[in-house]
Amino acid sequence: MRTFIAIDVNPEIREVAQEVIDKLISMGFKATWTKPENLHLTLFFLGEMDEKAVDSMAHALQKRLQGFPSFSTDLAGFGYFKFKHSPRVLFLKLEPTKSLQRLFLEMKSELNKNKIKYDEQGNFVPHVTLGRVKEYPTDWEKLVEGIQTPKITLVVDGVTIYSSTLTPQGPIYKWVYKLKFEGGLMKNVR
């Protein structure tokens, strides 16, 4: 199964995400937009894994993260990744707090220890992807300068392991495991 590990976002962030997407559409951006129910902060994209490997990884991560203190991070505005002069990915930024960085490094260490391969993206930039750009207005950088977001706090008390099925209508995400720092491990029985 195509697998990734993420932090789920709250309804307030989903609402702001939809408002920002609506603004971007009205500005002339065309993109593959993320459905509200699919919004998340990706920690690691793992690619294809068999079910036993996912089970084993979930248990190893749960052991490693047991007792990790819950923390919060704040929505920190709008951002984008660009290639040359073109926007590629539009997103909401999250504050890269020390706790969030520590969580990422703890998990990375455990994945490496267990020889689990993941997509190495370079520096960890905490973000919630809004869309992958297909077309954009000529003065796009000037247009997006004005996008404001309210300060919303996201409480993080665990992570979720997802499977991703690609379809012509877009990806379908299903949670496979929820790892709570204080509450153990839950498996989604399908």
N, C-alpha and C. Protein backbone atom coordinates (compact mmCIF):
# COMPACT_ATOMS: atom_id res chain seq x y z
N MET A 1 0.84 -1.20 0.00
CA MET A 1 0.00 0.00 0.00
C MET A 1 0.87 1.25 0.00
N ARG A 2 0.41 2.28 -0.69
CA ARG A 2 1.11 3.57 -0.75
C ARG A 2 0.89 4.25 0.59
N THR A 3 1.97 4.58 1.30
CA THR A 3 1.87 4.96 2.71
C THR A 3 2.54 6.29 3.01
N PHE A 4 1.95 7.04 3.95
CA PHE A 4 2.61 8.23 4.47
C PHE A 4 2.21 8.44 5.93
N ILE A 5 3.02 9.23 6.64
CA ILE A 5 2.76 9.54 8.05
C ILE A 5 2.50 11.03 8.14
N ALA A 6 1.44 11.40 8.86
CA ALA A 6 1.03 12.80 8.90
C ALA A 6 0.49 13.20 10.27
N ILE A 7 0.35 14.51 10.44
CA ILE A 7 -0.35 15.08 11.59
C ILE A 7 -1.67 15.60 11.03
N ASP A 8 -2.75 15.19 11.66
CA ASP A 8 -4.08 15.65 11.24
C ASP A 8 -4.28 17.11 11.65
N VAL A 9 -5.04 17.85 10.84
CA VAL A 9 -5.32 19.25 11.17
C VAL A 9 -6.74 19.37 11.72
N ASN A 10 -6.99 20.47 12.42
CA ASN A 10 -8.30 20.68 13.04
C ASN A 10 -9.29 21.35 12.07
N PRO A 11 -10.58 21.36 12.42
CA PRO A 11 -11.60 21.96 11.54
C PRO A 11 -11.34 23.44 11.22
N GLU A 12 -10.75 24.18 12.15
CA GLU A 12 -10.48 25.61 11.93
C GLU A 12 -9.47 25.80 10.80
N ILE A 13 -8.45 24.96 10.77
CA ILE A 13 -7.45 25.05 9.70
C ILE A 13 -8.06 24.62 8.37
N ARG A 14 -8.92 23.59 8.40
CA ARG A 14 -9.62 23.16 7.17
C ARG A 14 -10.45 24.30 6.59
N GLU A 15 -11.10 25.04 7.48
CA GLU A 15 -11.95 26.17 7.06
C GLU A 15 -11.10 27.27 6.41
N VAL A 16 -10.00 27.64 7.05
CA VAL A 16 -9.11 28.66 6.51
C VAL A 16 -8.54 28.18 5.17
N ALA A 17 -8.18 26.92 5.09
CA ALA A 17 -7.63 26.36 3.85
C ALA A 17 -8.62 26.55 2.70
N GLN A 18 -9.89 26.26 2.95
CA GLN A 18 -10.90 26.40 1.90
C GLN A 18 -11.07 27.87 1.50
N GLU A 19 -11.02 28.77 2.48
CA GLU A 19 -11.13 30.21 2.17
C GLU A 19 -9.96 30.66 1.29
N VAL A 20 -8.75 30.19 1.61
CA VAL A 20 -7.57 30.56 0.83
C VAL A 20 -7.65 29.95 -0.58
N ILE A 21 -8.08 28.71 -0.68
CA ILE A 21 -8.25 28.07 -1.99
C ILE A 21 -9.23 28.88 -2.84
N ASP A 22 -10.36 29.28 -2.23
CA ASP A 22 -11.36 30.09 -2.96
C ASP A 22 -10.74 31.39 -3.47
N LYS A 23 -9.91 32.04 -2.63
CA LYS A 23 -9.23 33.28 -3.05
C LYS A 23 -8.30 33.02 -4.22
N LEU A 24 -7.52 31.94 -4.13
CA LEU A 24 -6.57 31.60 -5.19
C LEU A 24 -7.29 31.33 -6.51
N ILE A 25 -8.41 30.63 -6.43
CA ILE A 25 -9.21 30.35 -7.64
C ILE A 25 -9.70 31.67 -8.24
N SER A 26 -10.19 32.57 -7.38
CA SER A 26 -10.69 33.86 -7.89
C SER A 26 -9.56 34.72 -8.48
N MET A 27 -8.31 34.46 -8.07
CA MET A 27 -7.16 35.19 -8.63
C MET A 27 -6.73 34.61 -9.98
N GLY A 28 -7.24 33.42 -10.32
CA GLY A 28 -6.90 32.82 -11.61
C GLY A 28 -5.99 31.61 -11.54
N PHE A 29 -5.72 31.13 -10.33
CA PHE A 29 -4.91 29.91 -10.20
C PHE A 29 -5.76 28.70 -10.58
N LYS A 30 -5.14 27.79 -11.33
CA LYS A 30 -5.76 26.50 -11.61
C LYS A 30 -4.81 25.46 -11.04
N ALA A 31 -5.37 24.54 -10.26
CA ALA A 31 -4.52 23.56 -9.59
C ALA A 31 -5.31 22.29 -9.31
N THR A 32 -4.58 21.27 -8.92
CA THR A 32 -5.22 20.09 -8.37
C THR A 32 -5.36 20.43 -6.88
N TRP A 33 -6.56 20.82 -6.48
CA TRP A 33 -6.79 21.29 -5.10
C TRP A 33 -6.99 20.12 -4.16
N THR A 34 -6.49 20.26 -2.95
CA THR A 34 -6.66 19.24 -1.92
C THR A 34 -8.06 19.34 -1.34
N LYS A 35 -8.75 18.20 -1.28
CA LYS A 35 -10.10 18.18 -0.68
C LYS A 35 -9.96 18.44 0.82
N PRO A 36 -10.93 19.17 1.41
CA PRO A 36 -10.83 19.50 2.84
C PRO A 36 -10.57 18.29 3.74
N GLU A 37 -11.21 17.16 3.44
CA GLU A 37 -11.02 15.97 4.30
C GLU A 37 -9.63 15.36 4.14
N ASN A 38 -8.89 15.75 3.10
CA ASN A 38 -7.54 15.20 2.87
C ASN A 38 -6.43 16.10 3.39
N LEU A 39 -6.76 17.26 3.96
CA LEU A 39 -5.72 18.18 4.44
C LEU A 39 -4.99 17.59 5.64
N HIS A 40 -3.66 17.72 5.63
CA HIS A 40 -2.82 17.19 6.72
C HIS A 40 -1.43 17.79 6.59
N LEU A 41 -0.61 17.58 7.60
CA LEU A 41 0.79 17.98 7.56
C LEU A 41 1.60 16.69 7.39
N THR A 42 2.16 16.49 6.22
CA THR A 42 2.94 15.27 5.97
C THR A 42 4.27 15.34 6.70
N LEU A 43 4.59 14.27 7.41
CA LEU A 43 5.89 14.15 8.06
C LEU A 43 6.83 13.32 7.18
N PHE A 44 6.33 12.16 6.71
CA PHE A 44 7.14 11.27 5.88
C PHE A 44 6.26 10.61 4.82
N PHE A 45 6.72 10.65 3.57
CA PHE A 45 6.08 9.87 2.51
C PHE A 45 6.93 8.62 2.33
N LEU A 46 6.31 7.45 2.49
CA LEU A 46 7.05 6.19 2.51
C LEU A 46 6.91 5.38 1.22
N GLY A 47 5.96 5.73 0.37
CA GLY A 47 5.76 4.98 -0.86
C GLY A 47 5.11 3.63 -0.60
N GLU A 48 5.35 2.69 -1.49
CA GLU A 48 4.73 1.36 -1.39
C GLU A 48 5.33 0.55 -0.24
N MET A 49 4.45 0.02 0.61
CA MET A 49 4.87 -0.87 1.71
C MET A 49 3.84 -1.98 1.83
N ASP A 50 4.30 -3.17 2.20
CA ASP A 50 3.29 -4.21 2.42
C ASP A 50 2.72 -4.06 3.83
N GLU A 51 1.58 -4.69 4.05
CA GLU A 51 0.84 -4.50 5.30
C GLU A 51 1.63 -4.91 6.53
N LYS A 52 2.39 -6.01 6.43
CA LYS A 52 3.20 -6.46 7.58
C LYS A 52 4.26 -5.42 7.95
N ALA A 53 4.88 -4.81 6.93
CA ALA A 53 5.90 -3.78 7.18
C ALA A 53 5.27 -2.56 7.84
N VAL A 54 4.05 -2.20 7.43
CA VAL A 54 3.35 -1.06 8.03
C VAL A 54 3.03 -1.39 9.50
N ASP A 55 2.56 -2.61 9.77
CA ASP A 55 2.26 -3.03 11.14
C ASP A 55 3.51 -2.94 12.02
N SER A 56 4.60 -3.47 11.51
CA SER A 56 5.86 -3.48 12.24
C SER A 56 6.34 -2.05 12.52
N MET A 57 6.26 -1.20 11.50
CA MET A 57 6.67 0.20 11.65
C MET A 57 5.81 0.91 12.68
N ALA A 58 4.50 0.70 12.63
CA ALA A 58 3.58 1.35 13.57
C ALA A 58 3.94 1.01 15.01
N HIS A 59 4.24 -0.27 15.26
CA HIS A 59 4.60 -0.68 16.62
C HIS A 59 5.94 -0.09 17.06
N ALA A 60 6.90 -0.05 16.14
CA ALA A 60 8.21 0.54 16.47
C ALA A 60 8.07 2.03 16.78
N LEU A 61 7.29 2.74 15.96
CA LEU A 61 7.10 4.18 16.20
C LEU A 61 6.34 4.43 17.49
N GLN A 62 5.35 3.57 17.78
CA GLN A 62 4.59 3.74 19.02
C GLN A 62 5.50 3.62 20.24
N LYS A 63 6.38 2.64 20.20
CA LYS A 63 7.33 2.46 21.31
C LYS A 63 8.19 3.71 21.46
N ARG A 64 8.69 4.22 20.34
CA ARG A 64 9.59 5.37 20.33
C ARG A 64 8.88 6.63 20.83
N LEU A 65 7.61 6.81 20.45
CA LEU A 65 6.89 8.05 20.76
C LEU A 65 6.08 7.99 22.05
N GLN A 66 6.03 6.81 22.68
CA GLN A 66 5.27 6.68 23.93
C GLN A 66 5.78 7.70 24.95
N GLY A 67 4.88 8.54 25.44
CA GLY A 67 5.25 9.54 26.44
C GLY A 67 5.80 10.83 25.84
N PHE A 68 5.88 10.94 24.50
CA PHE A 68 6.31 12.19 23.89
C PHE A 68 5.29 13.25 24.30
N PRO A 69 5.75 14.40 24.80
CA PRO A 69 4.77 15.38 25.29
C PRO A 69 3.94 16.02 24.17
N SER A 70 2.63 16.13 24.40
CA SER A 70 1.77 16.84 23.45
C SER A 70 2.28 18.28 23.36
N PHE A 71 2.06 18.90 22.22
CA PHE A 71 2.53 20.27 22.02
C PHE A 71 1.59 20.98 21.05
N SER A 72 1.84 22.23 20.83
CA SER A 72 1.04 22.94 19.84
C SER A 72 1.94 23.73 18.91
N THR A 73 1.40 24.02 17.75
CA THR A 73 2.06 24.86 16.76
C THR A 73 0.98 25.77 16.18
N ASP A 74 1.38 26.87 15.57
CA ASP A 74 0.41 27.83 15.06
C ASP A 74 0.46 27.92 13.54
N LEU A 75 -0.69 28.20 12.97
CA LEU A 75 -0.77 28.51 11.55
C LEU A 75 0.04 29.79 11.35
N ALA A 76 0.95 29.77 10.37
CA ALA A 76 1.89 30.89 10.22
C ALA A 76 1.80 31.57 8.85
N GLY A 77 0.65 31.43 8.18
CA GLY A 77 0.48 32.14 6.92
C GLY A 77 0.46 31.25 5.70
N PHE A 78 0.53 31.90 4.54
CA PHE A 78 0.46 31.24 3.25
C PHE A 78 1.87 31.14 2.67
N GLY A 79 2.13 30.08 1.92
CA GLY A 79 3.43 29.94 1.29
C GLY A 79 3.35 29.15 0.00
N TYR A 80 4.47 29.01 -0.66
CA TYR A 80 4.54 28.25 -1.91
C TYR A 80 5.95 27.75 -2.14
N PHE A 81 6.04 26.65 -2.88
CA PHE A 81 7.31 26.17 -3.39
C PHE A 81 7.28 26.51 -4.87
N LYS A 82 8.41 27.01 -5.38
CA LYS A 82 8.43 27.30 -6.81
C LYS A 82 9.62 26.63 -7.47
N PHE A 83 9.48 26.44 -8.77
CA PHE A 83 10.55 25.87 -9.58
C PHE A 83 10.84 26.91 -10.65
N LYS A 84 12.09 27.35 -10.70
CA LYS A 84 12.47 28.49 -11.54
C LYS A 84 11.59 29.66 -11.14
N HIS A 85 10.73 30.17 -12.02
CA HIS A 85 9.88 31.31 -11.64
C HIS A 85 8.42 30.92 -11.51
N SER A 86 8.14 29.63 -11.54
CA SER A 86 6.76 29.17 -11.53
C SER A 86 6.38 28.56 -10.19
N PRO A 87 5.17 28.88 -9.70
CA PRO A 87 4.72 28.24 -8.47
C PRO A 87 4.37 26.78 -8.75
N ARG A 88 4.77 25.89 -7.88
CA ARG A 88 4.47 24.46 -8.06
C ARG A 88 3.45 23.97 -7.03
N VAL A 89 3.69 24.31 -5.75
CA VAL A 89 2.83 23.86 -4.66
C VAL A 89 2.44 25.07 -3.82
N LEU A 90 1.14 25.20 -3.54
CA LEU A 90 0.62 26.27 -2.69
C LEU A 90 0.24 25.64 -1.36
N PHE A 91 0.56 26.32 -0.24
CA PHE A 91 0.31 25.69 1.06
C PHE A 91 0.08 26.71 2.18
N LEU A 92 -0.39 26.18 3.31
CA LEU A 92 -0.45 26.94 4.56
C LEU A 92 0.77 26.54 5.37
N LYS A 93 1.48 27.54 5.90
CA LYS A 93 2.67 27.26 6.71
C LYS A 93 2.27 27.02 8.16
N LEU A 94 3.01 26.15 8.81
CA LEU A 94 2.87 25.95 10.25
C LEU A 94 4.20 26.31 10.90
N GLU A 95 4.12 26.86 12.09
CA GLU A 95 5.31 27.29 12.83
C GLU A 95 6.22 26.07 13.08
N PRO A 96 7.51 26.13 12.68
CA PRO A 96 8.41 25.00 12.90
C PRO A 96 8.95 25.00 14.33
N THR A 97 8.08 24.74 15.29
CA THR A 97 8.47 24.80 16.71
C THR A 97 9.53 23.75 17.03
N LYS A 98 10.21 23.94 18.16
CA LYS A 98 11.22 22.97 18.60
C LYS A 98 10.61 21.59 18.81
N SER A 99 9.39 21.55 19.38
CA SER A 99 8.73 20.26 19.62
C SER A 99 8.40 19.55 18.32
N LEU A 100 7.94 20.30 17.32
CA LEU A 100 7.62 19.71 16.02
C LEU A 100 8.89 19.18 15.35
N GLN A 101 9.96 19.95 15.43
CA GLN A 101 11.25 19.51 14.88
C GLN A 101 11.75 18.26 15.60
N ARG A 102 11.59 18.24 16.92
CA ARG A 102 12.04 17.09 17.71
C ARG A 102 11.24 15.83 17.35
N LEU A 103 9.92 15.99 17.18
CA LEU A 103 9.07 14.86 16.78
C LEU A 103 9.55 14.31 15.44
N PHE A 104 9.78 15.21 14.49
CA PHE A 104 10.25 14.80 13.16
C PHE A 104 11.56 14.03 13.26
N LEU A 105 12.52 14.55 14.05
CA LEU A 105 13.83 13.90 14.18
C LEU A 105 13.74 12.55 14.90
N GLU A 106 12.88 12.45 15.93
CA GLU A 106 12.69 11.17 16.63
C GLU A 106 12.16 10.11 15.66
N MET A 107 11.17 10.51 14.87
CA MET A 107 10.57 9.56 13.92
C MET A 107 11.57 9.19 12.83
N LYS A 108 12.30 10.17 12.34
CA LYS A 108 13.30 9.92 11.29
C LYS A 108 14.35 8.92 11.80
N SER A 109 14.78 9.11 13.03
CA SER A 109 15.76 8.22 13.64
C SER A 109 15.22 6.79 13.72
N GLU A 110 13.95 6.66 14.13
CA GLU A 110 13.34 5.32 14.25
C GLU A 110 13.17 4.67 12.87
N LEU A 111 12.77 5.44 11.88
CA LEU A 111 12.63 4.90 10.52
C LEU A 111 13.99 4.43 9.99
N ASN A 112 15.02 5.24 10.22
CA ASN A 112 16.37 4.86 9.78
C ASN A 112 16.85 3.60 10.50
N LYS A 113 16.60 3.54 11.82
CA LYS A 113 17.02 2.38 12.62
C LYS A 113 16.39 1.09 12.09
N ASN A 114 15.14 1.21 11.63
CA ASN A 114 14.40 0.04 11.13
C ASN A 114 14.54 -0.13 9.60
N LYS A 115 15.46 0.65 9.01
CA LYS A 115 15.74 0.58 7.57
C LYS A 115 14.47 0.77 6.72
N ILE A 116 13.62 1.70 7.15
CA ILE A 116 12.41 2.02 6.40
C ILE A 116 12.71 3.21 5.51
N LYS A 117 12.55 3.02 4.23
CA LYS A 117 12.85 4.09 3.26
C LYS A 117 11.73 5.12 3.22
N TYR A 118 12.10 6.38 3.06
CA TYR A 118 11.13 7.46 2.94
C TYR A 118 11.66 8.47 1.95
N ASP A 119 10.77 9.31 1.46
CA ASP A 119 11.13 10.33 0.48
C ASP A 119 11.85 11.46 1.20
N GLU A 120 13.13 11.61 0.96
CA GLU A 120 13.94 12.64 1.61
C GLU A 120 13.79 13.95 0.84
N GLN A 121 13.15 14.94 1.46
CA GLN A 121 12.87 16.21 0.78
C GLN A 121 13.85 17.31 1.16
N GLY A 122 14.90 17.00 1.86
CA GLY A 122 15.82 18.05 2.33
C GLY A 122 15.31 18.60 3.65
N ASN A 123 15.31 19.91 3.79
CA ASN A 123 14.86 20.52 5.03
C ASN A 123 13.37 20.27 5.27
N PHE A 124 13.01 20.00 6.52
CA PHE A 124 11.62 19.79 6.90
C PHE A 124 10.92 21.15 6.98
N VAL A 125 9.95 21.37 6.10
CA VAL A 125 9.17 22.60 6.08
C VAL A 125 7.73 22.23 6.42
N PRO A 126 7.29 22.47 7.68
CA PRO A 126 5.94 22.06 8.06
C PRO A 126 4.88 22.86 7.31
N HIS A 127 4.06 22.15 6.54
CA HIS A 127 3.04 22.83 5.73
C HIS A 127 1.87 21.89 5.43
N VAL A 128 0.76 22.51 5.06
CA VAL A 128 -0.45 21.79 4.66
C VAL A 128 -0.68 22.16 3.20
N THR A 129 -0.53 21.18 2.31
CA THR A 129 -0.66 21.44 0.87
C THR A 129 -2.09 21.78 0.50
N LEU A 130 -2.25 22.91 -0.20
CA LEU A 130 -3.56 23.33 -0.69
C LEU A 130 -3.78 22.86 -2.12
N GLY A 131 -2.72 22.89 -2.93
CA GLY A 131 -2.88 22.47 -4.31
C GLY A 131 -1.56 22.42 -5.07
N ARG A 132 -1.58 21.64 -6.14
CA ARG A 132 -0.43 21.55 -7.05
C ARG A 132 -0.82 22.32 -8.32
N VAL A 133 -0.04 23.33 -8.62
CA VAL A 133 -0.40 24.32 -9.65
C VAL A 133 -0.29 23.77 -11.07
N LYS A 134 -1.34 24.06 -11.87
CA LYS A 134 -1.35 23.72 -13.30
C LYS A 134 -1.19 25.00 -14.13
N GLU A 135 -1.95 26.05 -13.76
CA GLU A 135 -1.86 27.35 -14.44
C GLU A 135 -1.91 28.44 -13.37
N TYR A 136 -1.30 29.59 -13.70
CA TYR A 136 -1.27 30.68 -12.71
C TYR A 136 -1.28 32.02 -13.43
N PRO A 137 -1.78 33.07 -12.74
CA PRO A 137 -1.79 34.39 -13.37
C PRO A 137 -0.36 34.95 -13.50
N THR A 138 -0.15 35.85 -14.47
CA THR A 138 1.19 36.37 -14.71
C THR A 138 1.80 37.09 -13.51
N ASP A 139 1.01 37.88 -12.81
CA ASP A 139 1.53 38.63 -11.66
C ASP A 139 1.25 37.89 -10.34
N TRP A 140 1.40 36.57 -10.37
CA TRP A 140 1.00 35.73 -9.24
C TRP A 140 1.69 36.08 -7.93
N GLU A 141 2.99 36.40 -7.96
CA GLU A 141 3.70 36.69 -6.69
C GLU A 141 3.13 37.92 -6.01
N LYS A 142 2.80 38.92 -6.79
CA LYS A 142 2.21 40.15 -6.24
C LYS A 142 0.82 39.85 -5.66
N LEU A 143 0.05 39.03 -6.38
CA LEU A 143 -1.31 38.69 -5.94
C LEU A 143 -1.32 37.96 -4.58
N VAL A 144 -0.42 36.98 -4.42
CA VAL A 144 -0.45 36.17 -3.20
C VAL A 144 0.15 36.88 -1.99
N GLU A 145 0.87 37.99 -2.22
CA GLU A 145 1.43 38.76 -1.09
C GLU A 145 0.35 39.17 -0.10
N GLY A 146 -0.84 39.44 -0.60
CA GLY A 146 -1.91 39.93 0.26
C GLY A 146 -2.69 38.86 1.00
N ILE A 147 -2.36 37.59 0.82
CA ILE A 147 -3.12 36.53 1.48
C ILE A 147 -2.75 36.48 2.97
N GLN A 148 -3.73 36.74 3.78
CA GLN A 148 -3.56 36.73 5.24
C GLN A 148 -4.29 35.52 5.82
N THR A 149 -3.75 34.98 6.91
CA THR A 149 -4.44 33.90 7.62
C THR A 149 -4.49 34.26 9.10
N PRO A 150 -5.56 33.86 9.79
CA PRO A 150 -5.61 34.12 11.22
C PRO A 150 -4.64 33.20 11.96
N LYS A 151 -4.31 33.56 13.19
CA LYS A 151 -3.46 32.69 14.02
C LYS A 151 -4.38 31.60 14.59
N ILE A 152 -4.12 30.38 14.20
CA ILE A 152 -4.89 29.23 14.71
C ILE A 152 -3.89 28.27 15.32
N THR A 153 -4.20 27.79 16.49
CA THR A 153 -3.32 26.85 17.18
C THR A 153 -3.75 25.41 16.87
N LEU A 154 -2.77 24.60 16.54
CA LEU A 154 -3.00 23.18 16.30
C LEU A 154 -2.33 22.39 17.42
N VAL A 155 -3.13 21.65 18.17
CA VAL A 155 -2.59 20.81 19.24
C VAL A 155 -2.21 19.47 18.62
N VAL A 156 -0.98 19.04 18.90
CA VAL A 156 -0.48 17.78 18.35
C VAL A 156 -0.29 16.79 19.50
N ASP A 157 -1.07 15.70 19.46
CA ASP A 157 -0.96 14.68 20.51
C ASP A 157 -0.73 13.29 19.94
N GLY A 158 -0.36 13.25 18.66
CA GLY A 158 -0.09 11.98 18.01
C GLY A 158 0.09 12.16 16.52
N VAL A 159 0.30 11.04 15.84
CA VAL A 159 0.46 11.05 14.38
C VAL A 159 -0.42 9.95 13.79
N THR A 160 -0.65 10.03 12.49
CA THR A 160 -1.49 9.05 11.80
C THR A 160 -0.72 8.47 10.62
N ILE A 161 -0.82 7.16 10.47
CA ILE A 161 -0.26 6.48 9.30
C ILE A 161 -1.42 6.26 8.33
N TYR A 162 -1.24 6.75 7.10
CA TYR A 162 -2.29 6.67 6.08
C TYR A 162 -1.89 5.77 4.93
N SER A 163 -2.91 5.21 4.28
CA SER A 163 -2.71 4.61 2.96
C SER A 163 -3.30 5.59 1.97
N SER A 164 -2.73 5.63 0.78
CA SER A 164 -3.18 6.55 -0.26
C SER A 164 -3.43 5.76 -1.54
N THR A 165 -4.67 5.82 -2.03
CA THR A 165 -5.02 5.16 -3.27
C THR A 165 -5.26 6.23 -4.32
N LEU A 166 -4.50 6.18 -5.41
CA LEU A 166 -4.65 7.18 -6.46
C LEU A 166 -5.80 6.78 -7.39
N THR A 167 -6.69 7.75 -7.65
CA THR A 167 -7.81 7.53 -8.57
C THR A 167 -7.87 8.71 -9.53
N PRO A 168 -8.59 8.57 -10.64
CA PRO A 168 -8.73 9.72 -11.57
C PRO A 168 -9.39 10.94 -10.90
N GLN A 169 -10.19 10.70 -9.86
CA GLN A 169 -10.85 11.80 -9.14
C GLN A 169 -9.98 12.39 -8.04
N GLY A 170 -8.77 11.90 -7.89
CA GLY A 170 -7.88 12.36 -6.84
C GLY A 170 -7.59 11.24 -5.85
N PRO A 171 -6.64 11.47 -4.94
CA PRO A 171 -6.27 10.41 -4.00
C PRO A 171 -7.35 10.18 -2.95
N ILE A 172 -7.43 8.93 -2.50
CA ILE A 172 -8.31 8.58 -1.39
C ILE A 172 -7.40 8.16 -0.25
N TYR A 173 -7.49 8.88 0.88
CA TYR A 173 -6.67 8.58 2.05
C TYR A 173 -7.51 7.84 3.08
N LYS A 174 -6.92 6.78 3.64
CA LYS A 174 -7.57 6.05 4.74
C LYS A 174 -6.54 5.89 5.84
N TRP A 175 -6.96 6.20 7.06
CA TRP A 175 -6.00 6.00 8.14
C TRP A 175 -5.88 4.51 8.42
N VAL A 176 -4.63 4.09 8.66
CA VAL A 176 -4.34 2.69 8.95
C VAL A 176 -4.06 2.55 10.45
N TYR A 177 -3.26 3.49 10.99
CA TYR A 177 -2.94 3.52 12.42
C TYR A 177 -3.00 4.95 12.93
N LYS A 178 -3.46 5.10 14.16
CA LYS A 178 -3.35 6.36 14.88
C LYS A 178 -2.46 6.08 16.09
N LEU A 179 -1.36 6.84 16.19
CA LEU A 179 -0.42 6.69 17.30
C LEU A 179 -0.59 7.89 18.21
N LYS A 180 -1.12 7.68 19.39
CA LYS A 180 -1.29 8.75 20.37
C LYS A 180 -0.11 8.70 21.33
N PHE A 181 0.47 9.87 21.60
CA PHE A 181 1.64 9.92 22.49
C PHE A 181 1.32 9.31 23.86
N GLU A 182 0.10 9.56 24.35
CA GLU A 182 -0.27 9.07 25.68
C GLU A 182 -1.30 7.94 25.64
N GLY A 183 -1.88 7.68 24.45
CA GLY A 183 -3.00 6.75 24.42
C GLY A 183 -2.80 5.49 23.62
N GLY A 184 -1.58 5.16 23.29
CA GLY A 184 -1.36 3.90 22.61
C GLY A 184 -1.59 3.96 21.11
N LEU A 185 -1.88 2.77 20.57
CA LEU A 185 -1.95 2.58 19.14
C LEU A 185 -3.34 2.05 18.75
N MET A 186 -3.96 2.69 17.76
CA MET A 186 -5.25 2.21 17.26
C MET A 186 -5.09 1.80 15.82
N LYS A 187 -5.63 0.62 15.49
CA LYS A 187 -5.58 0.14 14.10
C LYS A 187 -6.97 0.24 13.51
N ASN A 188 -7.04 0.71 12.27
CA ASN A 188 -8.30 0.79 11.55
C ASN A 188 -8.57 -0.59 10.94
N VAL A 189 -9.58 -1.27 11.46
CA VAL A 189 -9.91 -2.60 10.96
C VAL A 189 -10.81 -2.42 9.74
N ARG A 190 -10.29 -2.81 8.57
CA ARG A 190 -11.04 -2.61 7.33
C ARG A 190 -11.71 -3.87 6.89
